[in-house]
N, C-alpha and C. Protein backbone atom coordinates (compact mmCIF):
# COMPACT_ATOMS: atom_id res chain seq x y z
N MET A 1 101.23 75.07 105.51
CA MET A 1 101.12 76.27 106.32
C MET A 1 100.46 77.39 105.50
N THR A 2 99.46 78.00 106.07
CA THR A 2 98.75 79.07 105.39
C THR A 2 99.32 80.41 105.83
N THR A 3 99.57 81.28 104.85
CA THR A 3 100.04 82.62 105.22
C THR A 3 98.83 83.54 105.26
N GLN A 4 98.67 84.17 106.39
CA GLN A 4 97.59 85.13 106.55
C GLN A 4 97.99 86.45 105.90
N ALA A 5 97.06 87.08 105.23
CA ALA A 5 97.32 88.41 104.68
C ALA A 5 97.46 89.38 105.85
N MET A 6 98.46 90.19 105.79
CA MET A 6 98.64 91.19 106.85
C MET A 6 97.48 92.18 106.78
N PRO A 7 96.96 92.56 107.92
CA PRO A 7 95.87 93.55 107.88
C PRO A 7 96.40 94.86 107.31
N LYS A 8 95.55 95.53 106.58
CA LYS A 8 95.93 96.81 106.00
C LYS A 8 95.99 97.87 107.10
N LYS A 9 96.91 98.78 106.94
CA LYS A 9 97.00 99.92 107.86
C LYS A 9 96.27 101.08 107.20
N THR A 10 95.43 101.77 107.97
CA THR A 10 94.65 102.89 107.43
C THR A 10 94.84 104.10 108.33
N LEU A 11 95.23 105.21 107.72
CA LEU A 11 95.42 106.45 108.46
C LEU A 11 94.66 107.58 107.80
N ARG A 12 94.29 108.56 108.62
CA ARG A 12 93.73 109.82 108.12
C ARG A 12 94.79 110.89 108.35
N LEU A 13 95.07 111.64 107.30
CA LEU A 13 96.06 112.71 107.38
C LEU A 13 95.38 114.04 107.12
N VAL A 14 95.75 115.05 107.88
CA VAL A 14 95.33 116.43 107.59
C VAL A 14 96.61 117.23 107.49
N ILE A 15 96.85 117.77 106.30
CA ILE A 15 98.11 118.44 106.01
C ILE A 15 97.87 119.95 106.04
N HIS A 16 98.65 120.64 106.86
CA HIS A 16 98.53 122.09 107.05
C HIS A 16 99.70 122.80 106.38
N GLY A 17 99.46 124.02 105.95
CA GLY A 17 100.50 124.84 105.34
C GLY A 17 100.04 125.35 103.99
N ARG A 18 101.01 125.65 103.11
CA ARG A 18 100.65 126.06 101.74
C ARG A 18 100.54 124.78 100.93
N VAL A 19 99.35 124.18 100.95
CA VAL A 19 99.17 122.86 100.36
C VAL A 19 98.05 122.82 99.31
N GLN A 20 97.39 123.96 99.09
CA GLN A 20 96.40 124.03 98.01
C GLN A 20 96.95 124.92 96.91
N GLY A 21 96.66 124.56 95.67
CA GLY A 21 97.15 125.31 94.53
C GLY A 21 98.59 125.00 94.17
N VAL A 22 99.12 123.89 94.71
CA VAL A 22 100.51 123.49 94.45
C VAL A 22 100.58 122.05 93.93
N PHE A 23 99.46 121.55 93.38
CA PHE A 23 99.36 120.19 92.84
C PHE A 23 99.58 119.12 93.91
N PHE A 24 99.19 119.43 95.17
CA PHE A 24 99.38 118.47 96.26
C PHE A 24 98.56 117.21 96.02
N ARG A 25 97.27 117.40 95.68
CA ARG A 25 96.40 116.23 95.54
C ARG A 25 96.85 115.32 94.41
N ASP A 26 97.15 115.88 93.24
CA ASP A 26 97.56 115.04 92.12
C ASP A 26 98.92 114.40 92.39
N SER A 27 99.81 115.13 93.04
CA SER A 27 101.12 114.57 93.38
C SER A 27 100.96 113.42 94.37
N MET A 28 100.04 113.58 95.34
CA MET A 28 99.81 112.51 96.30
C MET A 28 99.19 111.30 95.61
N ARG A 29 98.30 111.53 94.66
CA ARG A 29 97.70 110.42 93.91
C ARG A 29 98.79 109.62 93.19
N ARG A 30 99.71 110.32 92.53
CA ARG A 30 100.80 109.62 91.83
C ARG A 30 101.69 108.86 92.80
N GLU A 31 102.00 109.47 93.93
CA GLU A 31 102.83 108.81 94.95
C GLU A 31 102.12 107.57 95.48
N ALA A 32 100.83 107.69 95.74
CA ALA A 32 100.04 106.56 96.25
C ALA A 32 100.03 105.41 95.24
N GLN A 33 99.87 105.74 93.97
CA GLN A 33 99.85 104.69 92.95
C GLN A 33 101.19 103.98 92.87
N MET A 34 102.29 104.73 93.00
CA MET A 34 103.61 104.10 92.98
C MET A 34 103.79 103.15 94.17
N LEU A 35 103.22 103.51 95.32
CA LEU A 35 103.38 102.72 96.54
C LEU A 35 102.31 101.63 96.68
N GLY A 36 101.31 101.64 95.81
CA GLY A 36 100.22 100.66 95.94
C GLY A 36 99.26 101.01 97.07
N ILE A 37 99.10 102.30 97.33
CA ILE A 37 98.22 102.79 98.40
C ILE A 37 96.82 103.05 97.84
N ALA A 38 95.80 102.68 98.60
CA ALA A 38 94.42 103.01 98.25
C ALA A 38 93.93 104.10 99.19
N GLY A 39 92.83 104.76 98.80
CA GLY A 39 92.23 105.79 99.65
C GLY A 39 91.80 106.98 98.83
N TRP A 40 91.90 108.17 99.42
CA TRP A 40 91.46 109.38 98.73
C TRP A 40 92.17 110.59 99.31
N VAL A 41 92.11 111.69 98.56
CA VAL A 41 92.65 112.97 99.01
C VAL A 41 91.73 114.08 98.52
N ARG A 42 91.56 115.12 99.34
CA ARG A 42 90.71 116.24 98.96
C ARG A 42 91.18 117.53 99.63
N ASN A 43 90.83 118.65 99.01
CA ASN A 43 91.02 119.95 99.63
C ASN A 43 89.88 120.19 100.60
N ARG A 44 90.19 120.88 101.70
CA ARG A 44 89.15 121.27 102.65
C ARG A 44 89.00 122.78 102.61
N SER A 45 87.83 123.25 103.01
CA SER A 45 87.54 124.68 102.92
C SER A 45 88.43 125.53 103.82
N ASP A 46 89.06 124.92 104.82
CA ASP A 46 89.93 125.69 105.72
C ASP A 46 91.36 125.83 105.19
N GLY A 47 91.60 125.37 103.96
CA GLY A 47 92.93 125.50 103.36
C GLY A 47 93.84 124.32 103.57
N THR A 48 93.38 123.32 104.33
CA THR A 48 94.18 122.11 104.52
C THR A 48 93.84 121.09 103.44
N VAL A 49 94.66 120.04 103.38
CA VAL A 49 94.38 118.88 102.53
C VAL A 49 94.17 117.70 103.45
N GLU A 50 93.12 116.92 103.19
CA GLU A 50 92.79 115.74 103.99
C GLU A 50 92.93 114.51 103.12
N ALA A 51 93.44 113.44 103.70
CA ALA A 51 93.59 112.19 102.95
C ALA A 51 93.33 110.99 103.85
N ALA A 52 92.84 109.94 103.23
CA ALA A 52 92.78 108.63 103.88
C ALA A 52 93.69 107.73 103.06
N VAL A 53 94.61 107.05 103.73
CA VAL A 53 95.58 106.20 103.03
C VAL A 53 95.54 104.80 103.64
N GLN A 54 95.56 103.79 102.77
CA GLN A 54 95.43 102.41 103.23
C GLN A 54 96.35 101.52 102.42
N GLY A 55 97.04 100.64 103.10
CA GLY A 55 97.92 99.70 102.42
C GLY A 55 98.79 98.97 103.41
N GLU A 56 99.87 98.38 102.89
CA GLU A 56 100.83 97.71 103.77
C GLU A 56 101.44 98.76 104.68
N SER A 57 101.76 98.37 105.91
CA SER A 57 102.23 99.31 106.92
C SER A 57 103.41 100.15 106.44
N ALA A 58 104.42 99.54 105.84
CA ALA A 58 105.61 100.29 105.40
C ALA A 58 105.25 101.29 104.31
N ASP A 59 104.32 100.93 103.43
CA ASP A 59 103.92 101.84 102.35
C ASP A 59 103.11 103.01 102.90
N VAL A 60 102.23 102.74 103.86
CA VAL A 60 101.45 103.80 104.48
C VAL A 60 102.39 104.76 105.23
N ASP A 61 103.38 104.20 105.93
CA ASP A 61 104.36 105.05 106.61
C ASP A 61 105.13 105.90 105.60
N ALA A 62 105.44 105.32 104.44
CA ALA A 62 106.18 106.06 103.42
C ALA A 62 105.37 107.23 102.87
N ILE A 63 104.07 107.03 102.63
CA ILE A 63 103.28 108.15 102.10
C ILE A 63 103.03 109.19 103.19
N ALA A 64 102.98 108.77 104.45
CA ALA A 64 102.86 109.75 105.54
C ALA A 64 104.13 110.61 105.61
N ARG A 65 105.29 109.99 105.43
CA ARG A 65 106.54 110.77 105.38
C ARG A 65 106.52 111.73 104.19
N TRP A 66 106.05 111.23 103.03
CA TRP A 66 105.96 112.09 101.84
C TRP A 66 105.07 113.30 102.13
N ALA A 67 103.95 113.08 102.84
CA ALA A 67 103.01 114.16 103.13
C ALA A 67 103.65 115.28 103.95
N HIS A 68 104.69 114.97 104.72
CA HIS A 68 105.39 116.00 105.48
C HIS A 68 106.21 116.91 104.57
N ARG A 69 106.53 116.44 103.35
CA ARG A 69 107.27 117.26 102.38
C ARG A 69 106.33 117.80 101.31
N GLY A 70 105.53 116.88 100.73
CA GLY A 70 104.63 117.25 99.65
C GLY A 70 105.39 117.51 98.35
N PRO A 71 104.68 118.03 97.34
CA PRO A 71 105.32 118.33 96.06
C PRO A 71 106.22 119.56 96.18
N GLN A 72 106.92 119.85 95.13
CA GLN A 72 107.97 120.87 95.13
C GLN A 72 107.55 122.22 95.69
N HIS A 73 106.39 122.74 95.32
CA HIS A 73 106.01 124.10 95.72
C HIS A 73 105.19 124.17 97.01
N ALA A 74 104.93 123.01 97.62
CA ALA A 74 104.18 123.01 98.88
C ALA A 74 105.09 123.47 100.02
N GLN A 75 104.48 124.05 101.03
CA GLN A 75 105.19 124.38 102.27
C GLN A 75 104.38 123.78 103.41
N VAL A 76 104.71 122.54 103.75
CA VAL A 76 103.97 121.82 104.78
C VAL A 76 104.43 122.30 106.15
N GLU A 77 103.47 122.74 106.96
CA GLU A 77 103.78 123.18 108.33
C GLU A 77 103.66 122.04 109.33
N ARG A 78 102.60 121.25 109.18
CA ARG A 78 102.43 120.09 110.07
C ARG A 78 101.42 119.14 109.46
N VAL A 79 101.47 117.90 109.93
CA VAL A 79 100.56 116.86 109.47
C VAL A 79 99.95 116.19 110.69
N GLU A 80 98.63 116.23 110.77
CA GLU A 80 97.92 115.48 111.81
C GLU A 80 97.71 114.07 111.28
N ILE A 81 98.02 113.07 112.10
CA ILE A 81 97.87 111.68 111.68
C ILE A 81 97.09 110.94 112.76
N GLU A 82 96.06 110.21 112.32
CA GLU A 82 95.29 109.40 113.26
C GLU A 82 94.81 108.14 112.57
N PRO A 83 94.54 107.08 113.35
CA PRO A 83 93.98 105.86 112.74
C PRO A 83 92.65 106.17 112.07
N HIS A 84 92.34 105.40 111.06
CA HIS A 84 91.11 105.65 110.29
C HIS A 84 90.49 104.32 109.92
N GLU A 85 89.20 104.32 109.68
CA GLU A 85 88.45 103.13 109.26
C GLU A 85 88.08 103.26 107.80
N GLY A 86 87.80 102.16 107.17
CA GLY A 86 87.35 102.20 105.78
C GLY A 86 88.03 101.11 104.98
N SER A 87 87.50 100.88 103.81
CA SER A 87 88.07 99.89 102.91
C SER A 87 88.10 100.50 101.52
N TYR A 88 89.27 100.55 100.93
CA TYR A 88 89.45 101.23 99.66
C TYR A 88 90.12 100.28 98.67
N THR A 89 89.77 100.44 97.40
CA THR A 89 90.35 99.57 96.37
C THR A 89 91.30 100.32 95.45
N ARG A 90 91.18 101.66 95.42
CA ARG A 90 92.08 102.47 94.60
C ARG A 90 92.24 103.82 95.25
N PHE A 91 93.12 104.64 94.71
CA PHE A 91 93.34 105.98 95.27
C PHE A 91 92.75 107.00 94.33
N GLU A 92 91.98 107.93 94.89
CA GLU A 92 91.35 108.92 94.02
C GLU A 92 91.36 110.30 94.67
N VAL A 93 91.34 111.31 93.80
CA VAL A 93 91.19 112.70 94.21
C VAL A 93 89.69 112.97 94.26
N ILE A 94 89.20 113.44 95.39
CA ILE A 94 87.77 113.75 95.50
C ILE A 94 87.61 115.20 95.89
N GLY A 95 86.45 115.77 95.61
CA GLY A 95 86.13 117.12 96.02
C GLY A 95 87.08 118.20 95.54
């Protein structure tokens, strides 16, 4: 019997609130590495943080939950979550 690899779950997150200047991106990178998540995170000019996260469904759900809290000094107001396309091999901070 052959076991099929589960398809990766990929989401795009846009995090609103006090999320820039509080080490959100680097904290998310560390969290992603602990969970085995691939993708990217970046600051946007409107003051939000945007991320693409890809991995096993439970791990992607875990980092989405983390994004609602963020690092210690962040004040997350809301997180937009939508399905996303792409293929990633590691997690990186961009832009």
